[in-house]
Amino acid sequence: ELKARLLQIRKIWNIEIMVLNEELAEKLSLTANNQD
């Protein structure tokens, strides 16, 4: 859905879209611990 709705923006800016759950985001080190 995001890729379809943002198609023009993706083409203009060559943007990659990723949709992750919290577990995948943590594995990719994209989340921060509250203690940080």
Full PDB file with SEQRES, HELIX, SHEET, SSBOND, CRYST1, ORIGX, SCALE, CONECT and MASTER records, all heavy atoms in Angstrom:
SEQRES   1 A   36  GLU LEU LYS ALA ARG LEU LEU GLN ILE ARG LYS ILE TRP          
SEQRES   2 A   36  ASN ILE GLU ILE MET VAL LEU ASN GLU GLU LEU ALA GLU          
SEQRES   3 A   36  LYS LEU SER LEU THR ALA ASN ASN GLN ASP                      
HELIX    1 AA1 LEU A    2  ARG A    5  1                                   4    
HELIX    2 AA2 LEU A    7  TRP A   13  1                                   7    
HELIX    3 AA3 GLU A   22  LYS A   27  1                                   6    
CRYST1    1.000    1.000    1.000  90.00  90.00  90.00 P 1           1          
ORIGX1      1.000000  0.000000  0.000000        0.00000                         
ORIGX2      0.000000  1.000000  0.000000        0.00000                         
ORIGX3      0.000000  0.000000  1.000000        0.00000                         
SCALE1      1.000000  0.000000  0.000000        0.00000                         
SCALE2      0.000000  1.000000  0.000000        0.00000                         
SCALE3      0.000000  0.000000  1.000000        0.00000                         
ATOM      1  N   GLU A   1       0.827  -1.208   0.000  1.00  0.00           N  
ATOM      2  CA  GLU A   1       0.000   0.000   0.000  1.00  0.00           C  
ATOM      3  C   GLU A   1       0.862   1.260   0.000  1.00  0.00           C  
ATOM      4  O   GLU A   1       0.613   2.206  -0.755  1.00  0.00           O  
ATOM      5  CB  GLU A   1      -0.931  -0.011   1.212  1.00  0.00           C  
ATOM      6  CG  GLU A   1      -1.909   1.122   1.256  1.00  0.00           C  
ATOM      7  CD  GLU A   1      -2.987   1.050   0.184  1.00  0.00           C  
ATOM      8  OE1 GLU A   1      -3.279  -0.056  -0.301  1.00  0.00           O  
ATOM      9  OE2 GLU A   1      -3.539   2.115  -0.162  1.00  0.00           O  
ATOM     10  N   LEU A   2       1.881   1.289   0.849  1.00  0.00           N  
ATOM     11  CA  LEU A   2       2.778   2.453   0.889  1.00  0.00           C  
ATOM     12  C   LEU A   2       3.506   2.631  -0.432  1.00  0.00           C  
ATOM     13  O   LEU A   2       3.643   3.746  -0.941  1.00  0.00           O  
ATOM     14  CB  LEU A   2       3.802   2.291   2.007  1.00  0.00           C  
ATOM     15  CG  LEU A   2       3.424   2.844   3.363  1.00  0.00           C  
ATOM     16  CD1 LEU A   2       4.502   2.531   4.378  1.00  0.00           C  
ATOM     17  CD2 LEU A   2       3.189   4.324   3.311  1.00  0.00           C  
ATOM     18  N   LYS A   3       3.996   1.536  -0.981  1.00  0.00           N  
ATOM     19  CA  LYS A   3       4.716   1.611  -2.251  1.00  0.00           C  
ATOM     20  C   LYS A   3       3.815   2.141  -3.355  1.00  0.00           C  
ATOM     21  O   LYS A   3       4.252   2.939  -4.194  1.00  0.00           O  
ATOM     22  CB  LYS A   3       5.288   0.252  -2.619  1.00  0.00           C  
ATOM     23  CG  LYS A   3       6.465  -0.125  -1.752  1.00  0.00           C  
ATOM     24  CD  LYS A   3       6.995  -1.515  -2.075  1.00  0.00           C  
ATOM     25  CE  LYS A   3       8.161  -1.854  -1.164  1.00  0.00           C  
ATOM     26  NZ  LYS A   3       8.671  -3.203  -1.402  1.00  0.00           N  
ATOM     27  N   ALA A   4       2.562   1.718  -3.370  1.00  0.00           N  
ATOM     28  CA  ALA A   4       1.623   2.181  -4.394  1.00  0.00           C  
ATOM     29  C   ALA A   4       1.291   3.659  -4.208  1.00  0.00           C  
ATOM     30  O   ALA A   4       1.290   4.432  -5.174  1.00  0.00           O  
ATOM     31  CB  ALA A   4       0.351   1.340  -4.348  1.00  0.00           C  
ATOM     32  N   ARG A   5       1.018   4.061  -2.978  1.00  0.00           N  
ATOM     33  CA  ARG A   5       0.630   5.449  -2.719  1.00  0.00           C  
ATOM     34  C   ARG A   5       1.782   6.434  -2.891  1.00  0.00           C  
ATOM     35  O   ARG A   5       1.566   7.608  -3.178  1.00  0.00           O  
ATOM     36  CB  ARG A   5       0.046   5.585  -1.317  1.00  0.00           C  
ATOM     37  CG  ARG A   5      -1.322   4.955  -1.195  1.00  0.00           C  
ATOM     38  CD  ARG A   5      -1.893   5.171   0.187  1.00  0.00           C  
ATOM     39  NE  ARG A   5      -3.160   4.515   0.331  1.00  0.00           N  
ATOM     40  CZ  ARG A   5      -4.250   5.118   0.768  1.00  0.00           C  
ATOM     41  NH1 ARG A   5      -4.220   6.386   1.113  1.00  0.00           N  
ATOM     42  NH2 ARG A   5      -5.368   4.452   0.874  1.00  0.00           N  
ATOM     43  N   LEU A   6       2.989   5.970  -2.665  1.00  0.00           N  
ATOM     44  CA  LEU A   6       4.157   6.847  -2.768  1.00  0.00           C  
ATOM     45  C   LEU A   6       4.940   6.622  -4.057  1.00  0.00           C  
ATOM     46  O   LEU A   6       6.123   6.965  -4.142  1.00  0.00           O  
ATOM     47  CB  LEU A   6       5.071   6.646  -1.555  1.00  0.00           C  
ATOM     48  CG  LEU A   6       4.449   6.968  -0.195  1.00  0.00           C  
ATOM     49  CD1 LEU A   6       5.411   6.641   0.924  1.00  0.00           C  
ATOM     50  CD2 LEU A   6       4.017   8.415  -0.119  1.00  0.00           C  
ATOM     51  N   LEU A   7       4.304   6.063  -5.066  1.00  0.00           N  
ATOM     52  CA  LEU A   7       4.987   5.707  -6.307  1.00  0.00           C  
ATOM     53  C   LEU A   7       5.688   6.898  -6.953  1.00  0.00           C  
ATOM     54  O   LEU A   7       6.867   6.809  -7.310  1.00  0.00           O  
ATOM     55  CB  LEU A   7       3.995   5.076  -7.288  1.00  0.00           C  
ATOM     56  CG  LEU A   7       4.598   4.619  -8.616  1.00  0.00           C  
ATOM     57  CD1 LEU A   7       5.664   3.565  -8.375  1.00  0.00           C  
ATOM     58  CD2 LEU A   7       3.512   4.087  -9.523  1.00  0.00           C  
ATOM     59  N   GLN A   8       5.000   8.015  -7.097  1.00  0.00           N  
ATOM     60  CA  GLN A   8       5.619   9.180  -7.734  1.00  0.00           C  
ATOM     61  C   GLN A   8       6.813   9.687  -6.930  1.00  0.00           C  
ATOM     62  O   GLN A   8       7.853  10.021  -7.499  1.00  0.00           O  
ATOM     63  CB  GLN A   8       4.603  10.294  -7.922  1.00  0.00           C  
ATOM     64  CG  GLN A   8       3.571   9.980  -8.977  1.00  0.00           C  
ATOM     65  CD  GLN A   8       2.576  11.113  -9.155  1.00  0.00           C  
ATOM     66  OE1 GLN A   8       2.390  11.922  -8.253  1.00  0.00           O  
ATOM     67  NE2 GLN A   8       1.938  11.155 -10.315  1.00  0.00           N  
ATOM     68  N   ILE A   9       6.666   9.735  -5.620  1.00  0.00           N  
ATOM     69  CA  ILE A   9       7.762  10.202  -4.765  1.00  0.00           C  
ATOM     70  C   ILE A   9       8.937   9.226  -4.828  1.00  0.00           C  
ATOM     71  O   ILE A   9      10.093   9.633  -4.885  1.00  0.00           O  
ATOM     72  CB  ILE A   9       7.274  10.383  -3.309  1.00  0.00           C  
ATOM     73  CG1 ILE A   9       6.266  11.533  -3.264  1.00  0.00           C  
ATOM     74  CG2 ILE A   9       8.433  10.638  -2.357  1.00  0.00           C  
ATOM     75  CD1 ILE A   9       5.527  11.668  -1.962  1.00  0.00           C  
ATOM     76  N   ARG A  10       8.621   7.931  -4.855  1.00  0.00           N  
ATOM     77  CA  ARG A  10       9.678   6.926  -4.960  1.00  0.00           C  
ATOM     78  C   ARG A  10      10.463   7.084  -6.254  1.00  0.00           C  
ATOM     79  O   ARG A  10      11.692   6.950  -6.265  1.00  0.00           O  
ATOM     80  CB  ARG A  10       9.092   5.517  -4.885  1.00  0.00           C  
ATOM     81  CG  ARG A  10       8.627   5.114  -3.500  1.00  0.00           C  
ATOM     82  CD  ARG A  10       8.004   3.741  -3.434  1.00  0.00           C  
ATOM     83  NE  ARG A  10       8.618   2.768  -4.305  1.00  0.00           N  
ATOM     84  CZ  ARG A  10       7.934   1.959  -5.133  1.00  0.00           C  
ATOM     85  NH1 ARG A  10       6.627   1.998  -5.178  1.00  0.00           N  
ATOM     86  NH2 ARG A  10       8.560   1.106  -5.887  1.00  0.00           N  
ATOM     87  N   LYS A  11       9.763   7.366  -7.336  1.00  0.00           N  
ATOM     88  CA  LYS A  11      10.440   7.532  -8.628  1.00  0.00           C  
ATOM     89  C   LYS A  11      11.301   8.794  -8.655  1.00  0.00           C  
ATOM     90  O   LYS A  11      12.426   8.780  -9.136  1.00  0.00           O  
ATOM     91  CB  LYS A  11       9.420   7.584  -9.760  1.00  0.00           C  
ATOM     92  CG  LYS A  11       8.830   6.239 -10.088  1.00  0.00           C  
ATOM     93  CD  LYS A  11       7.884   6.360 -11.263  1.00  0.00           C  
ATOM     94  CE  LYS A  11       7.327   5.009 -11.651  1.00  0.00           C  
ATOM     95  NZ  LYS A  11       6.429   5.126 -12.819  1.00  0.00           N  
ATOM     96  N   ILE A  12      10.765   9.891  -8.135  1.00  0.00           N  
ATOM     97  CA  ILE A  12      11.493  11.159  -8.154  1.00  0.00           C  
ATOM     98  C   ILE A  12      12.750  11.089  -7.284  1.00  0.00           C  
ATOM     99  O   ILE A  12      13.833  11.494  -7.699  1.00  0.00           O  
ATOM    100  CB  ILE A  12      10.588  12.316  -7.681  1.00  0.00           C  
ATOM    101  CG1 ILE A  12       9.475  12.560  -8.693  1.00  0.00           C  
ATOM    102  CG2 ILE A  12      11.400  13.591  -7.434  1.00  0.00           C  
ATOM    103  CD1 ILE A  12       8.376  13.485  -8.194  1.00  0.00           C  
ATOM    104  N   TRP A  13      12.610  10.575  -6.079  1.00  0.00           N  
ATOM    105  CA  TRP A  13      13.696  10.589  -5.106  1.00  0.00           C  
ATOM    106  C   TRP A  13      14.438   9.264  -4.994  1.00  0.00           C  
ATOM    107  O   TRP A  13      15.381   9.159  -4.210  1.00  0.00           O  
ATOM    108  CB  TRP A  13      13.160  10.987  -3.729  1.00  0.00           C  
ATOM    109  CG  TRP A  13      12.669  12.398  -3.703  1.00  0.00           C  
ATOM    110  CD1 TRP A  13      11.390  12.826  -3.843  1.00  0.00           C  
ATOM    111  CD2 TRP A  13      13.473  13.562  -3.560  1.00  0.00           C  
ATOM    112  NE1 TRP A  13      11.343  14.191  -3.787  1.00  0.00           N  
ATOM    113  CE2 TRP A  13      12.606  14.677  -3.613  1.00  0.00           C  
ATOM    114  CE3 TRP A  13      14.835  13.781  -3.388  1.00  0.00           C  
ATOM    115  CZ2 TRP A  13      13.075  15.980  -3.504  1.00  0.00           C  
ATOM    116  CZ3 TRP A  13      15.287  15.069  -3.278  1.00  0.00           C  
ATOM    117  CH2 TRP A  13      14.421  16.160  -3.333  1.00  0.00           C  
ATOM    118  N   ASN A  14      14.002   8.241  -5.733  1.00  0.00           N  
ATOM    119  CA  ASN A  14      14.616   6.913  -5.676  1.00  0.00           C  
ATOM    120  C   ASN A  14      14.651   6.391  -4.233  1.00  0.00           C  
ATOM    121  O   ASN A  14      15.690   6.014  -3.703  1.00  0.00           O  
ATOM    122  CB  ASN A  14      16.025   6.939  -6.272  1.00  0.00           C  
ATOM    123  CG  ASN A  14      16.556   5.542  -6.513  1.00  0.00           C  
ATOM    124  OD1 ASN A  14      15.790   4.599  -6.700  1.00  0.00           O  
ATOM    125  ND2 ASN A  14      17.859   5.399  -6.505  1.00  0.00           N  
ATOM    126  N   ILE A  15      13.485   6.423  -3.597  1.00  0.00           N  
ATOM    127  CA  ILE A  15      13.360   6.027  -2.195  1.00  0.00           C  
ATOM    128  C   ILE A  15      13.011   4.551  -2.076  1.00  0.00           C  
ATOM    129  O   ILE A  15      12.156   4.046  -2.795  1.00  0.00           O  
ATOM    130  CB  ILE A  15      12.269   6.871  -1.493  1.00  0.00           C  
ATOM    131  CG1 ILE A  15      12.686   8.330  -1.448  1.00  0.00           C  
ATOM    132  CG2 ILE A  15      11.983   6.356  -0.086  1.00  0.00           C  
ATOM    133  CD1 ILE A  15      11.621   9.257  -0.906  1.00  0.00           C  
ATOM    134  N   GLU A  16      13.672   3.888  -1.160  1.00  0.00           N  
ATOM    135  CA  GLU A  16      13.344   2.498  -0.824  1.00  0.00           C  
ATOM    136  C   GLU A  16      12.409   2.507   0.381  1.00  0.00           C  
ATOM    137  O   GLU A  16      12.635   3.241   1.341  1.00  0.00           O  
ATOM    138  CB  GLU A  16      14.618   1.724  -0.475  1.00  0.00           C  
ATOM    139  CG  GLU A  16      14.380   0.286  -0.111  1.00  0.00           C  
ATOM    140  CD  GLU A  16      15.660  -0.421   0.282  1.00  0.00           C  
ATOM    141  OE1 GLU A  16      16.753   0.091  -0.003  1.00  0.00           O  
ATOM    142  OE2 GLU A  16      15.551  -1.496   0.892  1.00  0.00           O  
ATOM    143  N   ILE A  17      11.361   1.698   0.334  1.00  0.00           N  
ATOM    144  CA  ILE A  17      10.393   1.631   1.432  1.00  0.00           C  
ATOM    145  C   ILE A  17      10.488   0.275   2.107  1.00  0.00           C  
ATOM    146  O   ILE A  17      10.505  -0.761   1.440  1.00  0.00           O  
ATOM    147  CB  ILE A  17       8.958   1.873   0.917  1.00  0.00           C  
ATOM    148  CG1 ILE A  17       8.836   3.306   0.399  1.00  0.00           C  
ATOM    149  CG2 ILE A  17       7.935   1.606   2.015  1.00  0.00           C  
ATOM    150  CD1 ILE A  17       7.511   3.641  -0.203  1.00  0.00           C  
ATOM    151  N   MET A  18      10.563   0.307   3.422  1.00  0.00           N  
ATOM    152  CA  MET A  18      10.599  -0.919   4.221  1.00  0.00           C  
ATOM    153  C   MET A  18       9.534  -0.830   5.309  1.00  0.00           C  
ATOM    154  O   MET A  18       9.406   0.200   5.962  1.00  0.00           O  
ATOM    155  CB  MET A  18      11.966  -1.091   4.890  1.00  0.00           C  
ATOM    156  CG  MET A  18      13.120  -1.207   3.927  1.00  0.00           C  
ATOM    157  SD  MET A  18      14.730  -1.147   4.757  1.00  0.00           S  
ATOM    158  CE  MET A  18      14.645  -2.554   5.820  1.00  0.00           C  
ATOM    159  N   VAL A  19       8.786  -1.906   5.486  1.00  0.00           N  
ATOM    160  CA  VAL A  19       7.816  -1.994   6.579  1.00  0.00           C  
ATOM    161  C   VAL A  19       8.252  -3.174   7.437  1.00  0.00           C  
ATOM    162  O   VAL A  19       8.351  -4.303   6.952  1.00  0.00           O  
ATOM    163  CB  VAL A  19       6.378  -2.184   6.062  1.00  0.00           C  
ATOM    164  CG1 VAL A  19       5.414  -2.305   7.229  1.00  0.00           C  
ATOM    165  CG2 VAL A  19       5.976  -1.016   5.167  1.00  0.00           C  
ATOM    166  N   LEU A  20       8.522  -2.893   8.702  1.00  0.00           N  
ATOM    167  CA  LEU A  20       9.058  -3.898   9.616  1.00  0.00           C  
ATOM    168  C   LEU A  20       8.213  -3.986  10.876  1.00  0.00           C  
ATOM    169  O   LEU A  20       7.540  -3.032  11.234  1.00  0.00           O  
ATOM    170  CB  LEU A  20      10.487  -3.528  10.029  1.00  0.00           C  
ATOM    171  CG  LEU A  20      11.485  -3.191   8.936  1.00  0.00           C  
ATOM    172  CD1 LEU A  20      12.762  -2.649   9.550  1.00  0.00           C  
ATOM    173  CD2 LEU A  20      11.772  -4.406   8.091  1.00  0.00           C  
ATOM    174  N   ASN A  21       8.318  -5.111  11.558  1.00  0.00           N  
ATOM    175  CA  ASN A  21       7.758  -5.186  12.904  1.00  0.00           C  
ATOM    176  C   ASN A  21       8.890  -4.846  13.877  1.00  0.00           C  
ATOM    177  O   ASN A  21      10.044  -4.653  13.470  1.00  0.00           O  
ATOM    178  CB  ASN A  21       7.116  -6.548  13.177  1.00  0.00           C  
ATOM    179  CG  ASN A  21       8.097  -7.700  13.149  1.00  0.00           C  
ATOM    180  OD1 ASN A  21       9.303  -7.516  12.996  1.00  0.00           O  
ATOM    181  ND2 ASN A  21       7.595  -8.908  13.274  1.00  0.00           N  
ATOM    182  N   GLU A  22       8.556  -4.761  15.128  1.00  0.00           N  
ATOM    183  CA  GLU A  22       9.546  -4.339  16.125  1.00  0.00           C  
ATOM    184  C   GLU A  22      10.725  -5.305  16.202  1.00  0.00           C  
ATOM    185  O   GLU A  22      11.879  -4.896  16.334  1.00  0.00           O  
ATOM    186  CB  GLU A  22       8.877  -4.207  17.495  1.00  0.00           C  
ATOM    187  CG  GLU A  22       9.766  -3.567  18.535  1.00  0.00           C  
ATOM    188  CD  GLU A  22       9.034  -3.299  19.839  1.00  0.00           C  
ATOM    189  OE1 GLU A  22       8.051  -3.997  20.141  1.00  0.00           O  
ATOM    190  OE2 GLU A  22       9.456  -2.376  20.545  1.00  0.00           O  
ATOM    191  N   GLU A  23      10.445  -6.592  16.079  1.00  0.00           N  
ATOM    192  CA  GLU A  23      11.498  -7.602  16.155  1.00  0.00           C  
ATOM    193  C   GLU A  23      12.512  -7.432  15.018  1.00  0.00           C  
ATOM    194  O   GLU A  23      13.730  -7.456  15.244  1.00  0.00           O  
ATOM    195  CB  GLU A  23      10.878  -9.003  16.096  1.00  0.00           C  
ATOM    196  CG  GLU A  23      11.874 -10.122  16.181  1.00  0.00           C  
ATOM    197  CD  GLU A  23      11.211 -11.485  16.085  1.00  0.00           C  
ATOM    198  OE1 GLU A  23      10.019 -11.610  16.420  1.00  0.00           O  
ATOM    199  OE2 GLU A  23      11.896 -12.424  15.664  1.00  0.00           O  
ATOM    200  N   LEU A  24      12.034  -7.245  13.802  1.00  0.00           N  
ATOM    201  CA  LEU A  24      12.936  -7.041  12.670  1.00  0.00           C  
ATOM    202  C   LEU A  24      13.711  -5.734  12.812  1.00  0.00           C  
ATOM    203  O   LEU A  24      14.901  -5.673  12.485  1.00  0.00           O  
ATOM    204  CB  LEU A  24      12.152  -7.041  11.360  1.00  0.00           C  
ATOM    205  CG  LEU A  24      11.586  -8.381  10.902  1.00  0.00           C  
ATOM    206  CD1 LEU A  24      10.677  -8.182   9.689  1.00  0.00           C  
ATOM    207  CD2 LEU A  24      12.706  -9.343  10.569  1.00  0.00           C  
ATOM    208  N   ALA A  25      13.063  -4.703  13.290  1.00  0.00           N  
ATOM    209  CA  ALA A  25      13.725  -3.412  13.488  1.00  0.00           C  
ATOM    210  C   ALA A  25      14.854  -3.533  14.510  1.00  0.00           C  
ATOM    211  O   ALA A  25      15.924  -2.956  14.333  1.00  0.00           O  
ATOM    212  CB  ALA A  25      12.722  -2.359  13.920  1.00  0.00           C  
ATOM    213  N   GLU A  26      14.622  -4.306  15.558  1.00  0.00           N  
ATOM    214  CA  GLU A  26      15.668  -4.519  16.564  1.00  0.00           C  
ATOM    215  C   GLU A  26      16.841  -5.283  15.968  1.00  0.00           C  
ATOM    216  O   GLU A  26      18.001  -4.959  16.237  1.00  0.00           O  
ATOM    217  CB  GLU A  26      15.104  -5.264  17.768  1.00  0.00           C  
ATOM    218  CG  GLU A  26      14.232  -4.401  18.652  1.00  0.00           C  
ATOM    219  CD  GLU A  26      13.591  -5.169  19.796  1.00  0.00           C  
ATOM    220  OE1 GLU A  26      13.787  -6.403  19.900  1.00  0.00           O  
ATOM    221  OE2 GLU A  26      12.875  -4.528  20.579  1.00  0.00           O  
ATOM    222  N   LYS A  27      16.549  -6.296  15.149  1.00  0.00           N  
ATOM    223  CA  LYS A  27      17.623  -7.070  14.512  1.00  0.00           C  
ATOM    224  C   LYS A  27      18.475  -6.194  13.598  1.00  0.00           C  
ATOM    225  O   LYS A  27      19.670  -6.438  13.445  1.00  0.00           O  
ATOM    226  CB  LYS A  27      17.041  -8.239  13.722  1.00  0.00           C  
ATOM    227  CG  LYS A  27      16.550  -9.365  14.583  1.00  0.00           C  
ATOM    228  CD  LYS A  27      16.011 -10.504  13.747  1.00  0.00           C  
ATOM    229  CE  LYS A  27      15.468 -11.606  14.639  1.00  0.00           C  
ATOM    230  NZ  LYS A  27      14.885 -12.708  13.848  1.00  0.00           N  
ATOM    231  N   LEU A  28      17.859  -5.201  12.985  1.00  0.00           N  
ATOM    232  CA  LEU A  28      18.581  -4.290  12.098  1.00  0.00           C  
ATOM    233  C   LEU A  28      19.130  -3.072  12.842  1.00  0.00           C  
ATOM    234  O   LEU A  28      19.614  -2.133  12.216  1.00  0.00           O  
ATOM    235  CB  LEU A  28      17.656  -3.840  10.968  1.00  0.00           C  
ATOM    236  CG  LEU A  28      17.202  -4.946  10.012  1.00  0.00           C  
ATOM    237  CD1 LEU A  28      16.137  -4.420   9.058  1.00  0.00           C  
ATOM    238  CD2 LEU A  28      18.384  -5.505   9.243  1.00  0.00           C  
ATOM    239  N   SER A  29      19.018  -3.087  14.173  1.00  0.00           N  
ATOM    240  CA  SER A  29      19.511  -1.998  15.033  1.00  0.00           C  
ATOM    241  C   SER A  29      18.871  -0.656  14.691  1.00  0.00           C  
ATOM    242  O   SER A  29      19.520   0.386  14.687  1.00  0.00           O  
ATOM    243  CB  SER A  29      21.030  -1.887  14.949  1.00  0.00           C  
ATOM    244  OG  SER A  29      21.638  -3.079  15.345  1.00  0.00           O  
ATOM    245  N   LEU A  30      17.564  -0.683  14.431  1.00  0.00           N  
ATOM    246  CA  LEU A  30      16.840   0.544  14.109  1.00  0.00           C  
ATOM    247  C   LEU A  30      16.015   1.066  15.275  1.00  0.00           C  
ATOM    248  O   LEU A  30      15.308   2.059  15.129  1.00  0.00           O  
ATOM    249  CB  LEU A  30      15.908   0.303  12.914  1.00  0.00           C  
ATOM    250  CG  LEU A  30      16.603  -0.069  11.609  1.00  0.00           C  
ATOM    251  CD1 LEU A  30      15.566  -0.395  10.540  1.00  0.00           C  
ATOM    252  CD2 LEU A  30      17.513   1.053  11.141  1.00  0.00           C  
ATOM    253  N   THR A  31      16.100   0.410  16.420  1.00  0.00           N  
ATOM    254  CA  THR A  31      15.364   0.863  17.595  1.00  0.00           C  
ATOM    255  C   THR A  31      16.355   1.261  18.677  1.00  0.00           C  
ATOM    256  O   THR A  31      17.511   0.851  18.673  1.00  0.00           O  
ATOM    257  CB  THR A  31      14.430  -0.235  18.133  1.00  0.00           C  
ATOM    258  OG1 THR A  31      15.215  -1.377  18.480  1.00  0.00           O  
ATOM    259  CG2 THR A  31      13.374  -0.624  17.122  1.00  0.00           C  
ATOM    260  N   ALA A  32      15.888   2.062  19.597  1.00  0.00           N  
ATOM    261  CA  ALA A  32      16.714   2.493  20.720  1.00  0.00           C  
ATOM    262  C   ALA A  32      16.073   2.014  22.006  1.00  0.00           C  
ATOM    263  O   ALA A  32      14.853   2.007  22.137  1.00  0.00           O  
ATOM    264  CB  ALA A  32      16.832   4.010  20.742  1.00  0.00           C  
ATOM    265  N   ASN A  33      16.887   1.610  22.931  1.00  0.00           N  
ATOM    266  CA  ASN A  33      16.385   1.236  24.253  1.00  0.00           C  
ATOM    267  C   ASN A  33      16.017   2.495  25.018  1.00  0.00           C  
ATOM    268  O   ASN A  33      16.645   3.542  24.853  1.00  0.00           O  
ATOM    269  CB  ASN A  33      17.448   0.470  25.047  1.00  0.00           C  
ATOM    270  CG  ASN A  33      17.783  -0.857  24.403  1.00  0.00           C  
ATOM    271  OD1 ASN A  33      16.956  -1.460  23.731  1.00  0.00           O  
ATOM    272  ND2 ASN A  33      19.002  -1.300  24.589  1.00  0.00           N  
ATOM    273  N   ASN A  34      15.010   2.395  25.872  1.00  0.00           N  
ATOM    274  CA  ASN A  34      14.616   3.549  26.683  1.00  0.00           C  
ATOM    275  C   ASN A  34      15.772   4.038  27.543  1.00  0.00           C  
ATOM    276  O   ASN A  34      15.895   5.218  27.806  1.00  0.00           O  
ATOM    277  CB  ASN A  34      13.414   3.207  27.557  1.00  0.00           C  
ATOM    278  CG  ASN A  34      12.150   3.104  26.740  1.00  0.00           C  
ATOM    279  OD1 ASN A  34      12.062   3.650  25.653  1.00  0.00           O  
ATOM    280  ND2 ASN A  34      11.170   2.403  27.270  1.00  0.00           N  
ATOM    281  N   GLN A  35      16.616   3.136  27.986  1.00  0.00           N  
ATOM    282  CA  GLN A  35      17.722   3.535  28.854  1.00  0.00           C  
ATOM    283  C   GLN A  35      18.752   4.376  28.094  1.00  0.00           C  
ATOM    284  O   GLN A  35      19.523   5.107  28.685  1.00  0.00           O  
ATOM    285  CB  GLN A  35      18.386   2.328  29.474  1.00  0.00           C  
ATOM    286  CG  GLN A  35      19.095   1.422  28.469  1.00  0.00           C  
ATOM    287  CD  GLN A  35      19.577   0.158  29.125  1.00  0.00           C  
ATOM    288  OE1 GLN A  35      19.213  -0.152  30.247  1.00  0.00           O  
ATOM    289  NE2 GLN A  35      20.427  -0.568  28.441  1.00  0.00           N  
ATOM    290  N   ASP A  36      18.764   4.292  26.761  1.00  0.00           N  
ATOM    291  CA  ASP A  36      19.673   5.107  25.968  1.00  0.00           C  
ATOM    292  C   ASP A  36      19.378   6.595  26.137  1.00  0.00           C  
ATOM    293  O   ASP A  36      20.224   7.431  25.933  1.00  0.00           O  
ATOM    294  CB  ASP A  36      19.576   4.752  24.486  1.00  0.00           C  
ATOM    295  CG  ASP A  36      20.124   3.361  24.190  1.00  0.00           C  
ATOM    296  OD1 ASP A  36      20.855   2.813  25.044  1.00  0.00           O  
ATOM    297  OD2 ASP A  36      19.820   2.819  23.113  1.00  0.00           O  
TER     298      ASP A  36                                                      
MASTER        0    0    0    3    0    0    0    6  297    1    0    3          
END                                                                             
